[in-house]
Amino acid sequence: MADSVKDSIDVKATAEEIFAVATDFETYPSWNPNIKETKIEETDDEGRATKVWFNVDAKIKQLRYTLQYDYSAAPESFSWTVAEGDVKKLDGTYTFDEFDDVTEVRYEMQIDPGFPVPGFLKKQAEKQIVRSALEDLKKRVESL
C-alpha cells in the first residue's frame, strides 16, 4: 500500500527559476547525493523531459526506475508517476507558490516500494526523501 508524505520549504527565487532547476534532470547527480545517474528517455515538443530513468541510492537498496512527467500545470507545478522499475508506486508533485521575495515549494509523494520494509523505517525514509529533495533543491537554486 502506498503512503503519502508531503513537506514544503521557502526558496529565494521565482517559480520559473525553481521549475528550471527541478526539471533539469541531467544535473540531478551533481547536486542530489542520492541520485547516482539519470537518463532522459523521451521529451515533449518544448524539449522538457517526459520520461526519465533514475539510478538511486535508497540506503537500504539501490533502486532503478523510470518516471513519466506531466507538465500540464507548468510552471506552477509538475507531477510524475512511475512507468517501470524497482518500485511499485512512486507518484509525486512539485508545486511552486510565489510570494514577495520567496517561493514556497511543496513536494508531495506517494510511494510503495513493492518490497517489505518495516513500517517505522518506511515512514522515516519517506520523510527523509522529501525533506532532502526540498533542501537539496533549495541549495542548488540559491547557489546559481
N, C-alpha and C. Protein backbone atom coordinates (compact mmCIF):
# COMPACT_ATOMS: atom_id res chain seq x y z
N MET A 1 0.83 -1.19 0.00
CA MET A 1 0.00 0.00 0.00
C MET A 1 0.87 1.25 0.00
N ALA A 2 0.48 2.25 -0.75
CA ALA A 2 1.25 3.48 -0.87
C ALA A 2 0.86 4.45 0.24
N ASP A 3 1.86 5.04 0.84
CA ASP A 3 1.65 6.09 1.82
C ASP A 3 1.95 7.43 1.18
N SER A 4 1.29 8.47 1.66
CA SER A 4 1.52 9.82 1.15
C SER A 4 2.30 10.62 2.17
N VAL A 5 3.27 11.37 1.70
CA VAL A 5 4.05 12.24 2.57
C VAL A 5 4.26 13.55 1.84
N LYS A 6 4.22 14.67 2.59
CA LYS A 6 4.43 15.97 1.97
C LYS A 6 5.15 16.90 2.92
N ASP A 7 5.79 17.92 2.33
CA ASP A 7 6.54 18.91 3.08
C ASP A 7 6.71 20.12 2.19
N SER A 8 7.19 21.22 2.76
CA SER A 8 7.43 22.42 1.96
C SER A 8 8.64 23.17 2.50
N ILE A 9 9.14 24.09 1.66
CA ILE A 9 10.30 24.90 2.01
C ILE A 9 10.21 26.21 1.23
N ASP A 10 10.72 27.29 1.79
CA ASP A 10 10.77 28.58 1.09
C ASP A 10 12.12 28.73 0.40
N VAL A 11 12.08 29.16 -0.86
CA VAL A 11 13.29 29.33 -1.66
C VAL A 11 13.31 30.76 -2.20
N LYS A 12 14.47 31.40 -2.10
CA LYS A 12 14.62 32.78 -2.59
C LYS A 12 14.89 32.77 -4.09
N ALA A 13 13.80 32.57 -4.85
CA ALA A 13 13.88 32.53 -6.31
C ALA A 13 12.45 32.55 -6.84
N THR A 14 12.32 32.77 -8.14
CA THR A 14 10.99 32.76 -8.75
C THR A 14 10.57 31.31 -9.02
N ALA A 15 9.29 31.14 -9.25
CA ALA A 15 8.77 29.81 -9.58
C ALA A 15 9.42 29.30 -10.86
N GLU A 16 9.62 30.19 -11.83
CA GLU A 16 10.22 29.76 -13.09
C GLU A 16 11.67 29.29 -12.90
N GLU A 17 12.42 30.00 -12.04
CA GLU A 17 13.82 29.60 -11.78
C GLU A 17 13.86 28.24 -11.10
N ILE A 18 12.99 28.02 -10.14
CA ILE A 18 12.96 26.74 -9.42
C ILE A 18 12.51 25.62 -10.36
N PHE A 19 11.48 25.90 -11.15
CA PHE A 19 10.99 24.93 -12.12
C PHE A 19 12.11 24.50 -13.07
N ALA A 20 12.90 25.45 -13.52
CA ALA A 20 14.00 25.15 -14.45
C ALA A 20 15.02 24.20 -13.82
N VAL A 21 15.36 24.43 -12.57
CA VAL A 21 16.32 23.55 -11.88
C VAL A 21 15.68 22.18 -11.60
N ALA A 22 14.44 22.19 -11.13
CA ALA A 22 13.76 20.94 -10.77
C ALA A 22 13.50 20.03 -11.97
N THR A 23 13.48 20.60 -13.16
CA THR A 23 13.25 19.79 -14.36
C THR A 23 14.51 19.58 -15.19
N ASP A 24 15.65 19.99 -14.67
CA ASP A 24 16.94 19.76 -15.34
C ASP A 24 17.51 18.44 -14.81
N PHE A 25 16.89 17.34 -15.20
CA PHE A 25 17.18 16.03 -14.63
C PHE A 25 18.61 15.57 -14.86
N GLU A 26 19.21 16.01 -15.95
CA GLU A 26 20.59 15.59 -16.24
C GLU A 26 21.57 16.06 -15.17
N THR A 27 21.25 17.18 -14.47
CA THR A 27 22.17 17.69 -13.45
C THR A 27 21.91 17.12 -12.06
N TYR A 28 20.83 16.39 -11.88
CA TYR A 28 20.50 15.86 -10.54
C TYR A 28 21.68 15.17 -9.84
N PRO A 29 22.42 14.29 -10.51
CA PRO A 29 23.52 13.62 -9.80
C PRO A 29 24.59 14.57 -9.27
N SER A 30 24.70 15.77 -9.83
CA SER A 30 25.72 16.71 -9.36
C SER A 30 25.31 17.46 -8.11
N TRP A 31 24.02 17.50 -7.79
CA TRP A 31 23.59 18.24 -6.60
C TRP A 31 22.69 17.46 -5.65
N ASN A 32 22.24 16.28 -6.05
CA ASN A 32 21.44 15.44 -5.16
C ASN A 32 22.24 14.16 -4.90
N PRO A 33 22.81 14.02 -3.69
CA PRO A 33 23.72 12.91 -3.43
C PRO A 33 23.09 11.52 -3.52
N ASN A 34 21.78 11.40 -3.44
CA ASN A 34 21.14 10.09 -3.52
C ASN A 34 20.93 9.63 -4.96
N ILE A 35 20.94 10.55 -5.89
CA ILE A 35 20.73 10.20 -7.29
C ILE A 35 22.09 10.00 -7.96
N LYS A 36 22.34 8.78 -8.35
CA LYS A 36 23.65 8.41 -8.89
C LYS A 36 23.74 8.60 -10.40
N GLU A 37 22.59 8.44 -11.09
CA GLU A 37 22.61 8.54 -12.55
C GLU A 37 21.19 8.79 -13.06
N THR A 38 21.09 9.56 -14.13
CA THR A 38 19.81 9.79 -14.80
C THR A 38 20.01 9.69 -16.31
N LYS A 39 18.93 9.32 -17.01
CA LYS A 39 18.95 9.31 -18.47
C LYS A 39 17.59 9.77 -18.95
N ILE A 40 17.58 10.80 -19.78
CA ILE A 40 16.33 11.26 -20.37
C ILE A 40 16.00 10.35 -21.54
N GLU A 41 14.83 9.72 -21.47
CA GLU A 41 14.43 8.76 -22.49
C GLU A 41 13.47 9.37 -23.52
N GLU A 42 12.66 10.34 -23.09
CA GLU A 42 11.72 11.00 -24.01
C GLU A 42 11.56 12.46 -23.61
N THR A 43 11.25 13.30 -24.62
CA THR A 43 10.97 14.72 -24.37
C THR A 43 9.70 15.11 -25.11
N ASP A 44 9.13 16.25 -24.68
CA ASP A 44 7.94 16.76 -25.37
C ASP A 44 8.36 17.78 -26.43
N ASP A 45 7.38 18.42 -27.07
CA ASP A 45 7.65 19.39 -28.14
C ASP A 45 8.43 20.61 -27.66
N GLU A 46 8.37 20.88 -26.34
CA GLU A 46 9.10 22.03 -25.77
C GLU A 46 10.49 21.63 -25.26
N GLY A 47 10.87 20.38 -25.46
CA GLY A 47 12.18 19.91 -25.03
C GLY A 47 12.25 19.48 -23.58
N ARG A 48 11.11 19.43 -22.89
CA ARG A 48 11.08 19.02 -21.48
C ARG A 48 11.08 17.50 -21.40
N ALA A 49 11.83 16.98 -20.45
CA ALA A 49 11.90 15.53 -20.27
C ALA A 49 10.54 15.00 -19.81
N THR A 50 10.00 14.04 -20.54
CA THR A 50 8.73 13.43 -20.16
C THR A 50 8.89 12.02 -19.61
N LYS A 51 10.05 11.42 -19.88
CA LYS A 51 10.34 10.09 -19.37
C LYS A 51 11.82 10.06 -18.98
N VAL A 52 12.09 9.79 -17.70
CA VAL A 52 13.47 9.84 -17.18
C VAL A 52 13.76 8.59 -16.36
N TRP A 53 14.88 7.95 -16.65
CA TRP A 53 15.36 6.80 -15.90
C TRP A 53 16.27 7.30 -14.79
N PHE A 54 16.12 6.70 -13.60
CA PHE A 54 16.92 7.08 -12.42
C PHE A 54 17.59 5.85 -11.83
N ASN A 55 18.82 6.06 -11.34
CA ASN A 55 19.53 5.10 -10.52
C ASN A 55 19.74 5.81 -9.18
N VAL A 56 19.08 5.30 -8.12
CA VAL A 56 19.03 6.00 -6.84
C VAL A 56 19.57 5.12 -5.72
N ASP A 57 20.40 5.70 -4.86
CA ASP A 57 20.86 5.03 -3.65
C ASP A 57 19.82 5.30 -2.56
N ALA A 58 18.96 4.31 -2.31
CA ALA A 58 17.90 4.46 -1.32
C ALA A 58 18.36 3.96 0.05
N LYS A 59 19.65 3.88 0.27
CA LYS A 59 20.28 3.44 1.51
C LYS A 59 20.06 1.95 1.79
N ILE A 60 18.81 1.51 1.84
CA ILE A 60 18.57 0.10 2.11
C ILE A 60 18.68 -0.76 0.85
N LYS A 61 18.63 -0.08 -0.31
CA LYS A 61 18.68 -0.80 -1.57
C LYS A 61 18.94 0.18 -2.71
N GLN A 62 19.69 -0.25 -3.71
CA GLN A 62 19.87 0.54 -4.92
C GLN A 62 18.63 0.36 -5.78
N LEU A 63 18.01 1.47 -6.21
CA LEU A 63 16.78 1.39 -6.99
C LEU A 63 16.98 1.99 -8.38
N ARG A 64 16.36 1.35 -9.35
CA ARG A 64 16.35 1.86 -10.72
C ARG A 64 14.90 1.89 -11.17
N TYR A 65 14.48 3.04 -11.69
CA TYR A 65 13.11 3.19 -12.15
C TYR A 65 13.02 4.30 -13.17
N THR A 66 11.92 4.30 -13.91
CA THR A 66 11.64 5.34 -14.91
C THR A 66 10.38 6.08 -14.48
N LEU A 67 10.46 7.42 -14.50
CA LEU A 67 9.32 8.26 -14.17
C LEU A 67 8.78 8.93 -15.41
N GLN A 68 7.48 9.05 -15.47
CA GLN A 68 6.76 9.74 -16.56
C GLN A 68 6.29 11.09 -15.99
N TYR A 69 6.60 12.20 -16.66
CA TYR A 69 6.31 13.55 -16.16
C TYR A 69 5.15 14.20 -16.90
N ASP A 70 4.37 14.98 -16.14
CA ASP A 70 3.22 15.73 -16.65
C ASP A 70 3.43 17.21 -16.34
N TYR A 71 3.46 18.03 -17.38
CA TYR A 71 3.70 19.47 -17.23
C TYR A 71 2.45 20.30 -17.52
N SER A 72 1.28 19.73 -17.42
CA SER A 72 0.05 20.44 -17.77
C SER A 72 -0.21 21.66 -16.90
N ALA A 73 0.38 21.73 -15.70
CA ALA A 73 0.20 22.90 -14.82
C ALA A 73 1.49 23.73 -14.71
N ALA A 74 2.44 23.51 -15.61
CA ALA A 74 3.73 24.21 -15.56
C ALA A 74 3.56 25.69 -15.87
N PRO A 75 4.37 26.58 -15.31
CA PRO A 75 5.49 26.31 -14.40
C PRO A 75 5.10 26.34 -12.92
N GLU A 76 3.82 26.44 -12.59
CA GLU A 76 3.41 26.48 -11.18
C GLU A 76 3.49 25.11 -10.51
N SER A 77 3.52 24.05 -11.32
CA SER A 77 3.51 22.70 -10.78
C SER A 77 3.88 21.71 -11.86
N PHE A 78 4.40 20.57 -11.47
CA PHE A 78 4.53 19.43 -12.37
C PHE A 78 4.47 18.16 -11.53
N SER A 79 4.11 17.07 -12.18
CA SER A 79 3.92 15.82 -11.44
C SER A 79 4.54 14.65 -12.20
N TRP A 80 4.58 13.51 -11.52
CA TRP A 80 5.17 12.32 -12.12
C TRP A 80 4.52 11.06 -11.56
N THR A 81 4.65 9.99 -12.33
CA THR A 81 4.24 8.65 -11.92
C THR A 81 5.33 7.68 -12.36
N VAL A 82 5.41 6.58 -11.68
CA VAL A 82 6.40 5.57 -12.06
C VAL A 82 5.88 4.84 -13.30
N ALA A 83 6.74 4.70 -14.29
CA ALA A 83 6.39 3.99 -15.51
C ALA A 83 6.83 2.53 -15.43
N GLU A 84 8.00 2.30 -14.82
CA GLU A 84 8.53 0.95 -14.67
C GLU A 84 9.72 0.99 -13.73
N GLY A 85 10.09 -0.19 -13.22
CA GLY A 85 11.29 -0.26 -12.40
C GLY A 85 11.12 -1.01 -11.10
N ASP A 86 12.03 -0.71 -10.18
CA ASP A 86 12.14 -1.44 -8.92
C ASP A 86 11.11 -1.05 -7.86
N VAL A 87 10.29 -0.04 -8.11
CA VAL A 87 9.27 0.36 -7.15
C VAL A 87 7.89 0.13 -7.75
N LYS A 88 6.94 -0.20 -6.89
CA LYS A 88 5.58 -0.47 -7.36
C LYS A 88 4.85 0.83 -7.66
N LYS A 89 5.04 1.85 -6.80
CA LYS A 89 4.39 3.14 -6.99
C LYS A 89 5.33 4.24 -6.51
N LEU A 90 5.43 5.29 -7.31
CA LEU A 90 6.21 6.47 -6.94
C LEU A 90 5.60 7.65 -7.70
N ASP A 91 4.58 8.22 -7.12
CA ASP A 91 3.88 9.35 -7.72
C ASP A 91 4.19 10.58 -6.90
N GLY A 92 4.30 11.72 -7.56
CA GLY A 92 4.61 12.93 -6.82
C GLY A 92 4.28 14.19 -7.57
N THR A 93 4.38 15.29 -6.83
CA THR A 93 4.10 16.61 -7.38
C THR A 93 4.99 17.65 -6.71
N TYR A 94 5.55 18.54 -7.51
CA TYR A 94 6.17 19.77 -7.01
C TYR A 94 5.19 20.90 -7.34
N THR A 95 4.95 21.77 -6.36
CA THR A 95 4.10 22.95 -6.56
C THR A 95 4.88 24.17 -6.10
N PHE A 96 4.81 25.25 -6.89
CA PHE A 96 5.57 26.47 -6.61
C PHE A 96 4.61 27.65 -6.46
N ASP A 97 4.55 28.24 -5.25
CA ASP A 97 3.70 29.40 -4.98
C ASP A 97 4.58 30.60 -4.65
N GLU A 98 4.56 31.59 -5.54
CA GLU A 98 5.39 32.79 -5.36
C GLU A 98 4.76 33.77 -4.39
N PHE A 99 5.60 34.33 -3.53
CA PHE A 99 5.23 35.43 -2.65
C PHE A 99 6.18 36.57 -2.96
N ASP A 100 6.27 37.59 -2.11
CA ASP A 100 7.07 38.77 -2.42
C ASP A 100 8.51 38.44 -2.82
N ASP A 101 9.28 37.85 -1.90
CA ASP A 101 10.69 37.60 -2.19
C ASP A 101 11.07 36.13 -2.13
N VAL A 102 10.08 35.26 -1.93
CA VAL A 102 10.34 33.82 -1.87
C VAL A 102 9.24 33.06 -2.61
N THR A 103 9.56 31.83 -2.91
CA THR A 103 8.58 30.90 -3.47
C THR A 103 8.49 29.72 -2.52
N GLU A 104 7.26 29.40 -2.14
CA GLU A 104 7.06 28.21 -1.34
C GLU A 104 7.03 27.01 -2.28
N VAL A 105 7.91 26.05 -2.01
CA VAL A 105 7.98 24.83 -2.82
C VAL A 105 7.37 23.70 -1.98
N ARG A 106 6.32 23.08 -2.52
CA ARG A 106 5.70 21.94 -1.85
C ARG A 106 6.00 20.68 -2.65
N TYR A 107 6.33 19.64 -1.92
CA TYR A 107 6.63 18.34 -2.51
C TYR A 107 5.69 17.34 -1.86
N GLU A 108 4.93 16.64 -2.69
CA GLU A 108 4.06 15.58 -2.19
C GLU A 108 4.39 14.32 -2.95
N MET A 109 4.45 13.20 -2.21
CA MET A 109 4.88 11.95 -2.82
C MET A 109 4.08 10.78 -2.24
N GLN A 110 3.74 9.84 -3.09
CA GLN A 110 3.16 8.56 -2.67
C GLN A 110 4.11 7.47 -3.15
N ILE A 111 4.48 6.60 -2.22
CA ILE A 111 5.43 5.55 -2.59
C ILE A 111 5.01 4.22 -2.02
N ASP A 112 5.15 3.21 -2.84
CA ASP A 112 5.02 1.82 -2.43
C ASP A 112 6.24 1.13 -3.02
N PRO A 113 7.22 0.78 -2.17
CA PRO A 113 8.45 0.21 -2.72
C PRO A 113 8.25 -1.14 -3.39
N GLY A 114 7.17 -1.85 -3.06
CA GLY A 114 6.93 -3.14 -3.70
C GLY A 114 7.74 -4.26 -3.07
N PHE A 115 8.44 -3.96 -1.97
CA PHE A 115 9.16 -4.98 -1.22
C PHE A 115 9.00 -4.66 0.26
N PRO A 116 9.12 -5.67 1.12
CA PRO A 116 8.86 -5.44 2.55
C PRO A 116 9.87 -4.49 3.20
N VAL A 117 9.33 -3.50 3.89
CA VAL A 117 10.12 -2.57 4.68
C VAL A 117 9.34 -2.35 5.98
N PRO A 118 9.99 -2.53 7.14
CA PRO A 118 9.28 -2.30 8.39
C PRO A 118 8.65 -0.90 8.42
N GLY A 119 7.43 -0.82 8.95
CA GLY A 119 6.65 0.41 8.94
C GLY A 119 7.37 1.64 9.43
N PHE A 120 8.06 1.53 10.58
CA PHE A 120 8.74 2.70 11.13
C PHE A 120 9.90 3.14 10.24
N LEU A 121 10.60 2.21 9.62
CA LEU A 121 11.69 2.55 8.71
C LEU A 121 11.15 3.19 7.44
N LYS A 122 10.03 2.67 6.93
CA LYS A 122 9.43 3.20 5.72
C LYS A 122 9.00 4.66 5.94
N LYS A 123 8.32 4.93 7.05
CA LYS A 123 7.86 6.29 7.34
C LYS A 123 9.05 7.24 7.47
N GLN A 124 10.07 6.81 8.19
CA GLN A 124 11.27 7.63 8.37
C GLN A 124 11.95 7.90 7.03
N ALA A 125 12.05 6.88 6.20
CA ALA A 125 12.70 7.03 4.89
C ALA A 125 11.91 7.98 3.99
N GLU A 126 10.57 7.85 4.00
CA GLU A 126 9.74 8.73 3.18
C GLU A 126 9.92 10.20 3.57
N LYS A 127 9.89 10.46 4.87
CA LYS A 127 10.07 11.84 5.34
C LYS A 127 11.45 12.37 4.97
N GLN A 128 12.46 11.53 5.09
CA GLN A 128 13.83 11.93 4.75
C GLN A 128 13.97 12.19 3.26
N ILE A 129 13.35 11.39 2.42
CA ILE A 129 13.41 11.58 0.97
C ILE A 129 12.85 12.94 0.60
N VAL A 130 11.67 13.25 1.11
CA VAL A 130 11.01 14.52 0.79
C VAL A 130 11.80 15.70 1.34
N ARG A 131 12.24 15.63 2.60
CA ARG A 131 12.99 16.73 3.21
C ARG A 131 14.30 16.95 2.47
N SER A 132 15.02 15.88 2.15
CA SER A 132 16.29 16.01 1.43
C SER A 132 16.08 16.59 0.03
N ALA A 133 15.03 16.13 -0.66
CA ALA A 133 14.76 16.66 -2.00
C ALA A 133 14.53 18.16 -1.94
N LEU A 134 13.77 18.62 -0.97
CA LEU A 134 13.49 20.06 -0.84
C LEU A 134 14.75 20.84 -0.47
N GLU A 135 15.50 20.35 0.51
CA GLU A 135 16.70 21.06 0.93
C GLU A 135 17.76 21.09 -0.15
N ASP A 136 17.94 19.98 -0.87
CA ASP A 136 18.92 19.93 -1.97
C ASP A 136 18.51 20.85 -3.10
N LEU A 137 17.21 20.89 -3.42
CA LEU A 137 16.71 21.79 -4.46
C LEU A 137 16.94 23.25 -4.07
N LYS A 138 16.61 23.59 -2.84
CA LYS A 138 16.80 24.95 -2.33
C LYS A 138 18.27 25.37 -2.44
N LYS A 139 19.16 24.50 -1.98
CA LYS A 139 20.59 24.80 -2.01
C LYS A 139 21.07 25.02 -3.46
N ARG A 140 20.61 24.16 -4.35
CA ARG A 140 21.01 24.27 -5.76
C ARG A 140 20.51 25.58 -6.38
N VAL A 141 19.21 25.87 -6.21
CA VAL A 141 18.62 27.07 -6.80
C VAL A 141 19.28 28.33 -6.25
N GLU A 142 19.46 28.40 -4.94
CA GLU A 142 20.00 29.61 -4.33
C GLU A 142 21.50 29.78 -4.57
N SER A 143 22.18 28.74 -5.07
CA SER A 143 23.61 28.85 -5.37
C SER A 143 23.86 29.33 -6.79
N LEU A 144 22.83 29.36 -7.61
CA LEU A 144 23.00 29.75 -9.01
C LEU A 144 22.98 31.26 -9.19
